[in-house]
Amino acid sequence: MALRIIILDDDSQVGSALFELVDGMPGLECRVIPARLLSTSPEGVLQRVRVFMPHYVVNSHSIEQALAAEGVDRAHLRLAKMLCQDCRSCGAAMIHLSSALVFEGARGQSFSEADKPRPRRSPGRRLLELERIVERHSDRYIILRTGWIFGANRQSSFVKLLERLERGENITLRRGLLGAPTSSADVARVVWAMIQQLDCGADCWGIFHYTSGDSASSREFAETVITLAAQYGELDVDKLQLAESNHGDSWSVAAQPVLTCHRILNDFGIKQRPWRSAMTTMLKAIYSEDKAVPSNP
């Protein structure tokens, strides 16, 4: 019998990367629920889940909704609850993506899965509320907290940064941002590895952390983007200027607490990977085969 997976949100960074990774694999049926359906027709989403009867539902939608300016409304919370209940009814496991922003701490402080979240800012509170829904209404679930995600999705802040760099625009960064940049492809790899092991009988459930193996400031991240993009794209490095300000653009990145990732290594054998090598691979793909980042007039 084929393994059946549903991914929520075709526009999400991790969702699109996961579908690209698993699409066409033998012995696997994968369906992606469009973002527009998640926003406009909750009952249509639930109907698709009930008809398809998945073994796993990967919710990559809620994290992006929680981090978006409009946030998570009550309708989204109700949908999250009903999805968990439907998963329980059909025997599916829920893989729910969350974020390090459920924690608040001093710069450089690290958090494990055993630490109690105490978010003070709005995105962290939204994310924690969604986590609590998953815990209360799911029998089998994975809550995977990640860090600062970047990806090749055309709607992502990462690609928009590339577009501005290609146009030669100066970039002002928000001062003091620190996190562990993690590629969407790397998170997709981790989700797929966990599903494979769970499907083979691994009895590992609950909350897990995964980020890349090294942290960086927003300036270090942007400088790496420029250095690598100049190798594969058409950036005129001499014309680019980076500045920092307390009111600069965060590129959808908030200061991220550092997550310890020992449990996912101990339970699943999944090791952290460096983000710079993932970015190199991503930029090669973006700039190869006539897939250069478009420059807007």
C-alpha atoms as a PDB file:
ATOM      1  CA  MET A   1       0.000   0.000   0.000  1.00  0.00           C
ATOM      2  CA  ALA A   2       1.309   3.426  -0.938  1.00  0.00           C
ATOM      3  CA  LEU A   3       2.315   5.883   1.746  1.00  0.00           C
ATOM      4  CA  ARG A   4      -0.065   8.861   1.607  1.00  0.00           C
ATOM      5  CA  ILE A   5       0.978  12.370   2.643  1.00  0.00           C
ATOM      6  CA  ILE A   6      -0.885  15.683   2.576  1.00  0.00           C
ATOM      7  CA  ILE A   7       1.081  18.937   2.670  1.00  0.00           C
ATOM      8  CA  LEU A   8      -0.755  22.065   3.748  1.00  0.00           C
ATOM      9  CA  ASP A   9       0.078  25.160   1.673  1.00  0.00           C
ATOM     10  CA  ASP A  10       1.652  24.972  -1.775  1.00  0.00           C
ATOM     11  CA  ASP A  11       3.112  28.478  -1.324  1.00  0.00           C
ATOM     12  CA  SER A  12       4.911  27.854   1.963  1.00  0.00           C
ATOM     13  CA  GLN A  13       8.682  27.599   1.902  1.00  0.00           C
ATOM     14  CA  VAL A  14       8.949  24.182   3.554  1.00  0.00           C
ATOM     15  CA  GLY A  15       5.778  22.829   1.947  1.00  0.00           C
ATOM     16  CA  SER A  16       6.945  23.581  -1.587  1.00  0.00           C
ATOM     17  CA  ALA A  17      10.437  22.220  -0.819  1.00  0.00           C
ATOM     18  CA  LEU A  18       8.993  19.022   0.641  1.00  0.00           C
ATOM     19  CA  PHE A  19       6.735  18.452  -2.358  1.00  0.00           C
ATOM     20  CA  GLU A  20       9.680  18.996  -4.705  1.00  0.00           C
ATOM     21  CA  LEU A  21      11.663  16.427  -2.705  1.00  0.00           C
ATOM     22  CA  VAL A  22       9.050  13.638  -2.619  1.00  0.00           C
ATOM     23  CA  ASP A  23       7.011  14.205  -5.789  1.00  0.00           C
ATOM     24  CA  GLY A  24       7.206  11.180  -8.050  1.00  0.00           C
ATOM     25  CA  MET A  25       8.798   8.862  -5.496  1.00  0.00           C
ATOM     26  CA  PRO A  26       7.661   5.248  -6.006  1.00  0.00           C
ATOM     27  CA  GLY A  27       5.303   3.923  -3.378  1.00  0.00           C
ATOM     28  CA  LEU A  28       4.248   7.416  -2.327  1.00  0.00           C
ATOM     29  CA  GLU A  29       1.125   9.465  -2.981  1.00  0.00           C
ATOM     30  CA  CYS A  30       1.435  13.121  -2.089  1.00  0.00           C
ATOM     31  CA  ARG A  31      -1.229  15.818  -2.258  1.00  0.00           C
ATOM     32  CA  VAL A  32      -0.728  19.530  -1.654  1.00  0.00           C
ATOM     33  CA  ILE A  33      -3.575  21.706  -0.435  1.00  0.00           C
ATOM     34  CA  PRO A  34      -3.407  25.194  -1.986  1.00  0.00           C
ATOM     35  CA  ALA A  35      -2.949  28.222   0.237  1.00  0.00           C
ATOM     36  CA  ARG A  36      -6.054  29.868  -1.220  1.00  0.00           C
ATOM     37  CA  LEU A  37      -8.216  26.904  -0.145  1.00  0.00           C
ATOM     38  CA  LEU A  38      -6.812  27.062   3.384  1.00  0.00           C
ATOM     39  CA  SER A  39      -7.829  30.724   3.539  1.00  0.00           C
ATOM     40  CA  THR A  40     -11.233  30.555   1.874  1.00  0.00           C
ATOM     41  CA  SER A  41     -12.694  27.084   2.376  1.00  0.00           C
ATOM     42  CA  PRO A  42     -11.876  25.304   5.648  1.00  0.00           C
ATOM     43  CA  GLU A  43     -14.576  22.727   4.974  1.00  0.00           C
ATOM     44  CA  GLY A  44     -13.053  22.047   1.546  1.00  0.00           C
ATOM     45  CA  VAL A  45      -9.709  21.372   3.228  1.00  0.00           C
ATOM     46  CA  LEU A  46     -11.256  18.960   5.705  1.00  0.00           C
ATOM     47  CA  GLN A  47     -13.151  17.198   2.922  1.00  0.00           C
ATOM     48  CA  ARG A  48      -9.935  16.597   0.983  1.00  0.00           C
ATOM     49  CA  VAL A  49      -8.292  15.130   4.085  1.00  0.00           C
ATOM     50  CA  ARG A  50     -11.249  12.828   4.742  1.00  0.00           C
ATOM     51  CA  VAL A  51     -11.360  11.581   1.154  1.00  0.00           C
ATOM     52  CA  PHE A  52      -7.616  11.060   0.734  1.00  0.00           C
ATOM     53  CA  MET A  53      -7.164   9.348   4.141  1.00  0.00           C
ATOM     54  CA  PRO A  54      -3.489  10.279   4.560  1.00  0.00           C
ATOM     55  CA  HIS A  55      -0.995   8.565   6.820  1.00  0.00           C
ATOM     56  CA  TYR A  56       0.690  11.905   7.547  1.00  0.00           C
ATOM     57  CA  VAL A  57      -0.420  15.525   7.361  1.00  0.00           C
ATOM     58  CA  VAL A  58       2.387  18.090   7.217  1.00  0.00           C
ATOM     59  CA  ASN A  59       1.220  21.511   8.378  1.00  0.00           C
ATOM     60  CA  SER A  60       3.666  23.990   6.877  1.00  0.00           C
ATOM     61  CA  HIS A  61       0.948  26.635   6.645  1.00  0.00           C
ATOM     62  CA  SER A  62       0.426  27.666  10.259  1.00  0.00           C
ATOM     63  CA  ILE A  63       4.013  28.789  10.879  1.00  0.00           C
ATOM     64  CA  GLU A  64       3.958  31.154   7.906  1.00  0.00           C
ATOM     65  CA  GLN A  65       0.526  32.445   8.857  1.00  0.00           C
ATOM     66  CA  ALA A  66       1.663  33.075  12.426  1.00  0.00           C
ATOM     67  CA  LEU A  67       4.712  35.025  11.246  1.00  0.00           C
ATOM     68  CA  ALA A  68       2.778  37.054   8.670  1.00  0.00           C
ATOM     69  CA  ALA A  69       1.645  40.587   9.405  1.00  0.00           C
ATOM     70  CA  GLU A  70      -2.030  39.577   9.472  1.00  0.00           C
ATOM     71  CA  GLY A  71      -1.311  36.762  11.929  1.00  0.00           C
ATOM     72  CA  VAL A  72      -3.598  33.900  12.932  1.00  0.00           C
ATOM     73  CA  ASP A  73      -7.301  34.575  13.336  1.00  0.00           C
ATOM     74  CA  ARG A  74      -9.891  32.504  15.155  1.00  0.00           C
ATOM     75  CA  ALA A  75     -10.961  30.788  11.935  1.00  0.00           C
ATOM     76  CA  HIS A  76      -7.416  29.503  11.433  1.00  0.00           C
ATOM     77  CA  LEU A  77      -7.273  28.218  15.006  1.00  0.00           C
ATOM     78  CA  ARG A  78     -10.582  26.387  14.486  1.00  0.00           C
ATOM     79  CA  LEU A  79      -9.243  24.851  11.277  1.00  0.00           C
ATOM     80  CA  ALA A  80      -6.065  23.725  13.061  1.00  0.00           C
ATOM     81  CA  LYS A  81      -8.174  22.066  15.752  1.00  0.00           C
ATOM     82  CA  MET A  82     -10.465  20.310  13.262  1.00  0.00           C
ATOM     83  CA  LEU A  83      -7.492  19.087  11.221  1.00  0.00           C
ATOM     84  CA  CYS A  84      -5.993  17.487  14.326  1.00  0.00           C
ATOM     85  CA  GLN A  85      -9.320  15.878  15.166  1.00  0.00           C
ATOM     86  CA  ASP A  86      -9.701  14.545  11.615  1.00  0.00           C
ATOM     87  CA  CYS A  87      -6.158  13.156  11.721  1.00  0.00           C
ATOM     88  CA  ARG A  88      -7.020  11.354  14.939  1.00  0.00           C
ATOM     89  CA  SER A  89     -10.223   9.967  13.405  1.00  0.00           C
ATOM     90  CA  CYS A  90      -8.499   8.546  10.320  1.00  0.00           C
ATOM     91  CA  GLY A  91      -5.352   7.404  12.129  1.00  0.00           C
ATOM     92  CA  ALA A  92      -3.049   9.961  10.510  1.00  0.00           C
ATOM     93  CA  ALA A  93      -0.104  11.544  12.272  1.00  0.00           C
ATOM     94  CA  MET A  94       0.298  15.325  12.350  1.00  0.00           C
ATOM     95  CA  ILE A  95       3.665  16.896  11.522  1.00  0.00           C
ATOM     96  CA  HIS A  96       3.336  20.510  12.647  1.00  0.00           C
ATOM     97  CA  LEU A  97       6.001  23.127  11.952  1.00  0.00           C
ATOM     98  CA  SER A  98       6.657  25.753  14.588  1.00  0.00           C
ATOM     99  CA  SER A  99       9.459  28.147  15.485  1.00  0.00           C
ATOM    100  CA  ALA A 100      12.099  29.124  18.026  1.00  0.00           C
ATOM    101  CA  LEU A 101      10.065  32.291  18.578  1.00  0.00           C
ATOM    102  CA  VAL A 102       8.002  30.488  21.220  1.00  0.00           C
ATOM    103  CA  PHE A 103      10.982  31.240  23.468  1.00  0.00           C
ATOM    104  CA  GLU A 104      12.208  34.588  24.743  1.00  0.00           C
ATOM    105  CA  GLY A 105      15.663  34.946  26.212  1.00  0.00           C
ATOM    106  CA  ALA A 106      18.906  36.822  26.383  1.00  0.00           C
ATOM    107  CA  ARG A 107      21.119  36.968  23.308  1.00  0.00           C
ATOM    108  CA  GLY A 108      23.012  33.711  22.960  1.00  0.00           C
ATOM    109  CA  GLN A 109      20.759  31.771  25.342  1.00  0.00           C
ATOM    110  CA  SER A 110      19.820  28.315  24.090  1.00  0.00           C
ATOM    111  CA  PHE A 111      16.648  26.300  24.653  1.00  0.00           C
ATOM    112  CA  SER A 112      15.858  22.591  24.621  1.00  0.00           C
ATOM    113  CA  GLU A 113      12.538  20.840  24.133  1.00  0.00           C
ATOM    114  CA  ALA A 114      12.236  20.538  27.930  1.00  0.00           C
ATOM    115  CA  ASP A 115      12.315  24.309  28.463  1.00  0.00           C
ATOM    116  CA  LYS A 116       8.985  26.035  29.026  1.00  0.00           C
ATOM    117  CA  PRO A 117       8.036  28.574  26.333  1.00  0.00           C
ATOM    118  CA  ARG A 118       7.199  32.063  27.615  1.00  0.00           C
ATOM    119  CA  PRO A 119       6.697  34.204  24.518  1.00  0.00           C
ATOM    120  CA  ARG A 120       6.035  37.900  25.053  1.00  0.00           C
ATOM    121  CA  ARG A 121       5.739  38.967  21.417  1.00  0.00           C
ATOM    122  CA  SER A 122       2.738  38.353  19.200  1.00  0.00           C
ATOM    123  CA  PRO A 123       4.243  35.832  16.717  1.00  0.00           C
ATOM    124  CA  GLY A 124       5.532  33.642  19.543  1.00  0.00           C
ATOM    125  CA  ARG A 125       2.170  33.689  21.312  1.00  0.00           C
ATOM    126  CA  ARG A 126       0.386  32.685  18.096  1.00  0.00           C
ATOM    127  CA  LEU A 127       2.840  29.857  17.485  1.00  0.00           C
ATOM    128  CA  LEU A 128       2.502  28.566  21.043  1.00  0.00           C
ATOM    129  CA  GLU A 129      -1.297  28.634  20.840  1.00  0.00           C
ATOM    130  CA  LEU A 130      -1.126  26.494  17.704  1.00  0.00           C
ATOM    131  CA  GLU A 131       1.275  24.083  19.402  1.00  0.00           C
ATOM    132  CA  ARG A 132      -1.136  23.706  22.313  1.00  0.00           C
ATOM    133  CA  ILE A 133      -3.957  22.869  19.898  1.00  0.00           C
ATOM    134  CA  VAL A 134      -1.855  20.108  18.331  1.00  0.00           C
ATOM    135  CA  GLU A 135      -0.935  18.694  21.740  1.00  0.00           C
ATOM    136  CA  ARG A 136      -4.527  18.712  23.000  1.00  0.00           C
ATOM    137  CA  HIS A 137      -6.253  17.317  19.916  1.00  0.00           C
ATOM    138  CA  SER A 138      -3.773  14.855  18.364  1.00  0.00           C
ATOM    139  CA  ASP A 139      -2.960  11.290  19.335  1.00  0.00           C
ATOM    140  CA  ARG A 140       0.271  11.054  17.326  1.00  0.00           C
ATOM    141  CA  TYR A 141       2.106  14.226  16.465  1.00  0.00           C
ATOM    142  CA  ILE A 142       5.471  15.819  15.828  1.00  0.00           C
ATOM    143  CA  ILE A 143       5.923  19.513  16.572  1.00  0.00           C
ATOM    144  CA  LEU A 144       9.104  20.528  14.778  1.00  0.00           C
ATOM    145  CA  ARG A 145      10.473  23.880  15.907  1.00  0.00           C
ATOM    146  CA  THR A 146      12.856  25.462  13.461  1.00  0.00           C
ATOM    147  CA  GLY A 147      14.826  28.680  13.203  1.00  0.00           C
ATOM    148  CA  TRP A 148      15.231  31.384  10.607  1.00  0.00           C
ATOM    149  CA  ILE A 149      14.104  29.695   7.362  1.00  0.00           C
ATOM    150  CA  PHE A 150      15.233  30.841   3.931  1.00  0.00           C
ATOM    151  CA  GLY A 151      14.221  29.294   0.631  1.00  0.00           C
ATOM    152  CA  ALA A 152      13.980  29.599  -3.133  1.00  0.00           C
ATOM    153  CA  ASN A 153      10.213  30.084  -3.123  1.00  0.00           C
ATOM    154  CA  ARG A 154       9.530  33.075  -5.363  1.00  0.00           C
ATOM    155  CA  GLN A 155       7.419  34.754  -2.686  1.00  0.00           C
ATOM    156  CA  SER A 156      10.056  34.425   0.022  1.00  0.00           C
ATOM    157  CA  SER A 157      11.922  37.321   1.587  1.00  0.00           C
ATOM    158  CA  PHE A 158      15.176  35.625   0.606  1.00  0.00           C
ATOM    159  CA  VAL A 159      14.362  35.834  -3.107  1.00  0.00           C
ATOM    160  CA  LYS A 160      13.111  39.397  -2.709  1.00  0.00           C
ATOM    161  CA  LEU A 161      16.465  40.254  -1.131  1.00  0.00           C
ATOM    162  CA  LEU A 162      18.211  38.719  -4.151  1.00  0.00           C
ATOM    163  CA  GLU A 163      16.057  40.779  -6.486  1.00  0.00           C
ATOM    164  CA  ARG A 164      17.024  43.999  -4.725  1.00  0.00           C
ATOM    165  CA  LEU A 165      20.689  43.043  -4.771  1.00  0.00           C
ATOM    166  CA  GLU A 166      20.527  42.319  -8.499  1.00  0.00           C
ATOM    167  CA  ARG A 167      19.029  45.751  -9.066  1.00  0.00           C
ATOM    168  CA  GLY A 168      21.975  47.262  -7.202  1.00  0.00           C
ATOM    169  CA  GLU A 169      19.860  48.679  -4.394  1.00  0.00           C
ATOM    170  CA  ASN A 170      21.453  49.475  -1.058  1.00  0.00           C
ATOM    171  CA  ILE A 171      20.247  47.312   1.833  1.00  0.00           C
ATOM    172  CA  THR A 172      19.608  48.512   5.370  1.00  0.00           C
ATOM    173  CA  LEU A 173      19.409  45.649   7.846  1.00  0.00           C
ATOM    174  CA  ARG A 174      17.818  45.568  11.259  1.00  0.00           C
ATOM    175  CA  ARG A 175      20.638  45.725  13.803  1.00  0.00           C
ATOM    176  CA  GLY A 176      20.965  42.966  16.393  1.00  0.00           C
ATOM    177  CA  LEU A 177      19.219  40.105  14.604  1.00  0.00           C
ATOM    178  CA  LEU A 178      20.826  36.769  15.377  1.00  0.00           C
ATOM    179  CA  GLY A 179      19.683  33.278  14.508  1.00  0.00           C
ATOM    180  CA  ALA A 180      20.507  29.972  12.900  1.00  0.00           C
ATOM    181  CA  PRO A 181      19.625  30.380   9.202  1.00  0.00           C
ATOM    182  CA  THR A 182      18.166  27.109   7.942  1.00  0.00           C
ATOM    183  CA  SER A 183      17.227  26.345   4.358  1.00  0.00           C
ATOM    184  CA  SER A 184      13.713  25.197   3.551  1.00  0.00           C
ATOM    185  CA  ALA A 185      15.218  22.261   1.635  1.00  0.00           C
ATOM    186  CA  ASP A 186      17.071  21.183   4.780  1.00  0.00           C
ATOM    187  CA  VAL A 187      13.890  21.307   6.866  1.00  0.00           C
ATOM    188  CA  ALA A 188      12.075  19.334   4.139  1.00  0.00           C
ATOM    189  CA  ARG A 189      14.857  16.726   4.271  1.00  0.00           C
ATOM    190  CA  VAL A 190      14.397  16.440   8.036  1.00  0.00           C
ATOM    191  CA  VAL A 191      10.606  16.109   7.805  1.00  0.00           C
ATOM    192  CA  TRP A 192      10.911  13.374   5.189  1.00  0.00           C
ATOM    193  CA  ALA A 193      13.548  11.504   7.236  1.00  0.00           C
ATOM    194  CA  MET A 194      11.275  11.587  10.281  1.00  0.00           C
ATOM    195  CA  ILE A 195       8.272  10.337   8.288  1.00  0.00           C
ATOM    196  CA  GLN A 196      10.307   7.458   6.871  1.00  0.00           C
ATOM    197  CA  GLN A 197      11.417   6.341  10.313  1.00  0.00           C
ATOM    198  CA  LEU A 198       7.981   6.761  11.859  1.00  0.00           C
ATOM    199  CA  ASP A 199       6.523   4.701   9.033  1.00  0.00           C
ATOM    200  CA  CYS A 200       9.028   1.957   9.803  1.00  0.00           C
ATOM    201  CA  GLY A 201       7.815   1.785  13.397  1.00  0.00           C
ATOM    202  CA  ALA A 202       9.857   4.390  15.263  1.00  0.00           C
ATOM    203  CA  ASP A 203       7.877   5.381  18.357  1.00  0.00           C
ATOM    204  CA  CYS A 204       9.206   8.920  18.641  1.00  0.00           C
ATOM    205  CA  TRP A 205       6.594  11.610  19.120  1.00  0.00           C
ATOM    206  CA  GLY A 206       6.279  15.032  20.663  1.00  0.00           C
ATOM    207  CA  ILE A 207       8.359  18.189  20.308  1.00  0.00           C
ATOM    208  CA  PHE A 208      11.665  18.293  18.427  1.00  0.00           C
ATOM    209  CA  HIS A 209      14.071  21.064  17.463  1.00  0.00           C
ATOM    210  CA  TYR A 210      16.006  21.408  14.233  1.00  0.00           C
ATOM    211  CA  THR A 211      18.098  24.273  12.879  1.00  0.00           C
ATOM    212  CA  SER A 212      21.328  24.507  10.956  1.00  0.00           C
ATOM    213  CA  GLY A 213      24.498  23.895  12.891  1.00  0.00           C
ATOM    214  CA  ASP A 214      25.777  27.473  13.079  1.00  0.00           C
ATOM    215  CA  SER A 215      24.281  30.841  13.962  1.00  0.00           C
ATOM    216  CA  ALA A 216      24.813  34.162  12.202  1.00  0.00           C
ATOM    217  CA  SER A 217      23.889  37.799  12.482  1.00  0.00           C
ATOM    218  CA  SER A 218      21.724  39.434   9.851  1.00  0.00           C
ATOM    219  CA  ARG A 219      24.823  41.181   8.457  1.00  0.00           C
ATOM    220  CA  GLU A 220      26.808  37.930   8.237  1.00  0.00           C
ATOM    221  CA  PHE A 221      23.885  36.315   6.463  1.00  0.00           C
ATOM    222  CA  ALA A 222      23.521  39.153   3.927  1.00  0.00           C
ATOM    223  CA  GLU A 223      27.270  39.252   3.264  1.00  0.00           C
ATOM    224  CA  THR A 224      27.237  35.513   2.570  1.00  0.00           C
ATOM    225  CA  VAL A 225      24.308  35.950   0.174  1.00  0.00           C
ATOM    226  CA  ILE A 226      26.233  38.641  -1.707  1.00  0.00           C
ATOM    227  CA  THR A 227      29.478  36.656  -1.862  1.00  0.00           C
ATOM    228  CA  LEU A 228      27.816  33.481  -3.143  1.00  0.00           C
ATOM    229  CA  ALA A 229      25.341  35.198  -5.473  1.00  0.00           C
ATOM    230  CA  ALA A 230      28.210  37.109  -7.071  1.00  0.00           C
ATOM    231  CA  GLN A 231      29.764  33.766  -8.043  1.00  0.00           C
ATOM    232  CA  TYR A 232      26.660  32.403  -9.738  1.00  0.00           C
ATOM    233  CA  GLY A 233      24.603  35.448 -10.671  1.00  0.00           C
ATOM    234  CA  GLU A 234      25.044  38.950 -11.966  1.00  0.00           C
ATOM    235  CA  LEU A 235      25.735  41.038  -8.902  1.00  0.00           C
ATOM    236  CA  ASP A 236      27.996  44.056  -9.094  1.00  0.00           C
ATOM    237  CA  VAL A 237      29.487  43.807  -5.617  1.00  0.00           C
ATOM    238  CA  ASP A 238      31.291  47.138  -5.900  1.00  0.00           C
ATOM    239  CA  LYS A 239      27.996  48.988  -6.196  1.00  0.00           C
ATOM    240  CA  LEU A 240      26.317  47.323  -3.210  1.00  0.00           C
ATOM    241  CA  GLN A 241      26.239  48.818   0.255  1.00  0.00           C
ATOM    242  CA  LEU A 242      25.033  47.253   3.466  1.00  0.00           C
ATOM    243  CA  ALA A 243      24.026  49.382   6.408  1.00  0.00           C
ATOM    244  CA  GLU A 244      22.554  48.587   9.814  1.00  0.00           C
ATOM    245  CA  SER A 245      19.913  50.486  11.728  1.00  0.00           C
ATOM    246  CA  ASN A 246      17.617  49.897  14.669  1.00  0.00           C
ATOM    247  CA  HIS A 247      14.776  50.569  12.230  1.00  0.00           C
ATOM    248  CA  GLY A 248      16.134  48.653   9.232  1.00  0.00           C
ATOM    249  CA  ASP A 249      14.343  45.955   7.265  1.00  0.00           C
ATOM    250  CA  SER A 250      14.192  42.613   9.061  1.00  0.00           C
ATOM    251  CA  TRP A 251      13.367  40.678   5.860  1.00  0.00           C
ATOM    252  CA  SER A 252      10.708  38.835   7.888  1.00  0.00           C
ATOM    253  CA  VAL A 253      13.347  37.718  10.383  1.00  0.00           C
ATOM    254  CA  ALA A 254      13.002  38.338  14.086  1.00  0.00           C
ATOM    255  CA  ALA A 255      15.797  37.853  16.609  1.00  0.00           C
ATOM    256  CA  GLN A 256      15.803  34.089  17.072  1.00  0.00           C
ATOM    257  CA  PRO A 257      16.681  32.200  20.254  1.00  0.00           C
ATOM    258  CA  VAL A 258      19.158  29.371  19.724  1.00  0.00           C
ATOM    259  CA  LEU A 259      17.654  25.878  19.794  1.00  0.00           C
ATOM    260  CA  THR A 260      19.533  22.826  21.031  1.00  0.00           C
ATOM    261  CA  CYS A 261      18.932  19.889  18.701  1.00  0.00           C
ATOM    262  CA  HIS A 262      20.105  16.908  20.741  1.00  0.00           C
ATOM    263  CA  ARG A 263      16.770  15.077  20.885  1.00  0.00           C
ATOM    264  CA  ILE A 264      16.326  14.794  17.117  1.00  0.00           C
ATOM    265  CA  LEU A 265      19.857  13.383  16.906  1.00  0.00           C
ATOM    266  CA  ASN A 266      19.263  10.896  19.713  1.00  0.00           C
ATOM    267  CA  ASP A 267      15.815   9.721  18.552  1.00  0.00           C
ATOM    268  CA  PHE A 268      16.121   9.948  14.754  1.00  0.00           C
ATOM    269  CA  GLY A 269      19.866  10.149  14.148  1.00  0.00           C
ATOM    270  CA  ILE A 270      19.370  13.424  12.258  1.00  0.00           C
ATOM    271  CA  LYS A 271      22.430  15.662  12.288  1.00  0.00           C
ATOM    272  CA  GLN A 272      22.506  19.403  11.808  1.00  0.00           C
ATOM    273  CA  ARG A 273      23.939  20.692   8.541  1.00  0.00           C
ATOM    274  CA  PRO A 274      25.680  24.031   7.851  1.00  0.00           C
ATOM    275  CA  TRP A 275      23.493  26.659   6.241  1.00  0.00           C
ATOM    276  CA  ARG A 276      26.213  28.055   3.972  1.00  0.00           C
ATOM    277  CA  SER A 277      26.513  24.841   1.969  1.00  0.00           C
ATOM    278  CA  ALA A 278      22.715  24.701   1.624  1.00  0.00           C
ATOM    279  CA  MET A 279      22.696  28.274   0.374  1.00  0.00           C
ATOM    280  CA  THR A 280      25.405  27.462  -2.170  1.00  0.00           C
ATOM    281  CA  THR A 281      23.292  24.626  -3.559  1.00  0.00           C
ATOM    282  CA  MET A 282      20.188  26.825  -3.612  1.00  0.00           C
ATOM    283  CA  LEU A 283      21.846  29.710  -5.429  1.00  0.00           C
ATOM    284  CA  LYS A 284      23.353  27.375  -8.012  1.00  0.00           C
ATOM    285  CA  ALA A 285      19.850  26.067  -8.734  1.00  0.00           C
ATOM    286  CA  ILE A 286      18.334  29.561  -8.880  1.00  0.00           C
ATOM    287  CA  TYR A 287      20.923  30.847 -11.337  1.00  0.00           C
ATOM    288  CA  SER A 288      21.261  27.733 -13.490  1.00  0.00           C
ATOM    289  CA  GLU A 289      19.229  26.659 -16.520  1.00  0.00           C
ATOM    290  CA  ASP A 290      17.982  30.200 -17.169  1.00  0.00           C
ATOM    291  CA  LYS A 291      16.372  30.463 -13.742  1.00  0.00           C
ATOM    292  CA  ALA A 292      18.013  33.729 -12.849  1.00  0.00           C
ATOM    293  CA  VAL A 293      16.229  35.875 -10.303  1.00  0.00           C
ATOM    294  CA  PRO A 294      14.076  38.303 -12.318  1.00  0.00           C
ATOM    295  CA  SER A 295      14.882  41.970 -12.059  1.00  0.00           C
ATOM    296  CA  ASN A 296      11.835  44.215 -11.976  1.00  0.00           C
ATOM    297  CA  PRO A 297      12.038  47.364 -14.120  1.00  0.00           C
END
